[in-house]
Every structure is written in structure tokens, then in C-alpha cells.
Amino acid sequence: MLKEFNSLIDRGTFKYKEHSNNEKLVLLMWVYTNKFDEDGFLTNFKARLIARGDLYKTEEETYAATLVA
């Protein structure tokens, strides 16, 4: 987690800021991935920090186009 967090800060993805009451916060979530070899032993693991954009409402409805065969 620390490696991912430091990488995001080094790339300038976000910065620390004091929170004021009239600003909305972006909620974050950690996602963990484990990699195993063919014998089932843990070989690698990763942590990713993602923004929870699915929790916010928009003014208009958006729909994805779908094909019907």
C-alpha cells in the first residue's frame, strides 16, 4: 500500500489539502490483488487506490449503447 501511495504522490496524481465544509470529498477504496503460481503459492500481491465515482449522482441519465443481434 505504501508503494502505491508514494507512487501516486510522486506522479502528482493528488495532493493533500485541508477540508472545508462546503467541499465534497472523494471517497477512496483499496483494491488488493494476489497472484499465485501453478502450485498455489503466493508469488506477488498488489494494492491499488481507486476513487469511488459510482457513489455520485449526475444531473442527466447516461446509458451505454447496446447492440441487438
Protein backbone atom coordinates (compact mmCIF):
# COMPACT_ATOMS: atom_id res chain seq x y z
CA MET A 1 0.00 0.00 0.00
CA LEU A 2 2.81 2.37 0.85
CA LYS A 3 4.50 1.72 -2.50
CA GLU A 4 1.28 2.51 -4.40
CA PHE A 5 0.55 5.58 -2.28
CA ASN A 6 4.07 7.00 -2.75
CA SER A 7 3.89 6.30 -6.48
CA LEU A 8 0.65 8.31 -6.77
CA ILE A 9 2.12 11.24 -4.86
CA ASP A 10 5.36 11.18 -6.92
CA ARG A 11 3.37 11.29 -10.16
CA GLY A 12 1.34 14.25 -8.91
CA THR A 13 -1.95 12.36 -9.09
CA PHE A 14 -3.25 14.11 -5.98
CA LYS A 15 -2.09 16.29 -3.14
CA TYR A 16 -3.03 16.85 0.46
CA LYS A 17 -5.48 19.66 1.11
CA GLU A 18 -7.33 20.96 4.15
CA HIS A 19 -11.03 20.08 4.03
CA SER A 20 -13.60 22.86 4.27
CA ASN A 21 -17.29 22.24 4.97
CA ASN A 22 -18.53 23.47 1.58
CA GLU A 23 -16.42 20.98 -0.44
CA LYS A 24 -17.39 17.43 -1.35
CA LEU A 25 -14.98 14.66 -0.50
CA VAL A 26 -13.97 11.97 -2.97
CA LEU A 27 -14.24 8.60 -1.26
CA LEU A 28 -11.38 6.17 -1.84
CA MET A 29 -11.12 2.40 -1.64
CA TRP A 30 -8.18 -0.01 -1.61
CA VAL A 31 -8.32 -2.97 -4.03
CA TYR A 32 -5.96 -5.89 -3.39
CA THR A 33 -4.83 -8.46 -5.95
CA ASN A 34 -2.95 -11.67 -5.12
CA LYS A 35 -1.04 -13.65 -7.74
CA PHE A 36 -0.39 -17.37 -7.29
CA ASP A 37 1.85 -19.81 -9.16
CA GLU A 38 0.65 -23.11 -10.62
CA ASP A 39 1.23 -24.85 -7.27
CA GLY A 40 -0.99 -22.38 -5.43
CA PHE A 41 1.78 -20.47 -3.64
CA LEU A 42 1.56 -16.68 -3.33
CA THR A 43 4.10 -15.08 -5.67
CA ASN A 44 3.02 -11.44 -5.86
CA PHE A 45 0.48 -9.04 -4.42
CA LYS A 46 -0.59 -5.54 -5.36
CA ALA A 47 -2.63 -2.77 -3.80
CA ARG A 48 -4.45 -0.14 -5.84
CA LEU A 49 -6.11 3.02 -4.57
CA ILE A 50 -9.25 3.91 -6.52
CA ALA A 51 -11.80 6.71 -6.33
CA ARG A 52 -15.42 5.72 -5.71
CA GLY A 53 -17.04 7.66 -8.56
CA ASP A 54 -20.01 5.28 -8.59
CA LEU A 55 -21.40 6.90 -5.44
CA TYR A 56 -22.02 10.33 -7.02
CA LYS A 57 -25.22 11.42 -8.73
CA THR A 58 -25.23 13.29 -12.05
CA GLU A 59 -27.85 15.65 -13.43
CA GLU A 60 -28.58 13.65 -16.58
CA GLU A 61 -29.02 9.94 -17.09
CA THR A 62 -26.34 8.25 -19.17
CA TYR A 63 -26.87 4.97 -20.95
CA ALA A 64 -24.41 2.83 -22.88
CA ALA A 65 -25.34 1.84 -26.42
CA THR A 66 -26.01 -1.85 -26.86
CA LEU A 67 -26.25 -3.96 -29.98
CA VAL A 68 -29.02 -6.45 -30.51
CA ALA A 69 -28.29 -9.21 -32.99
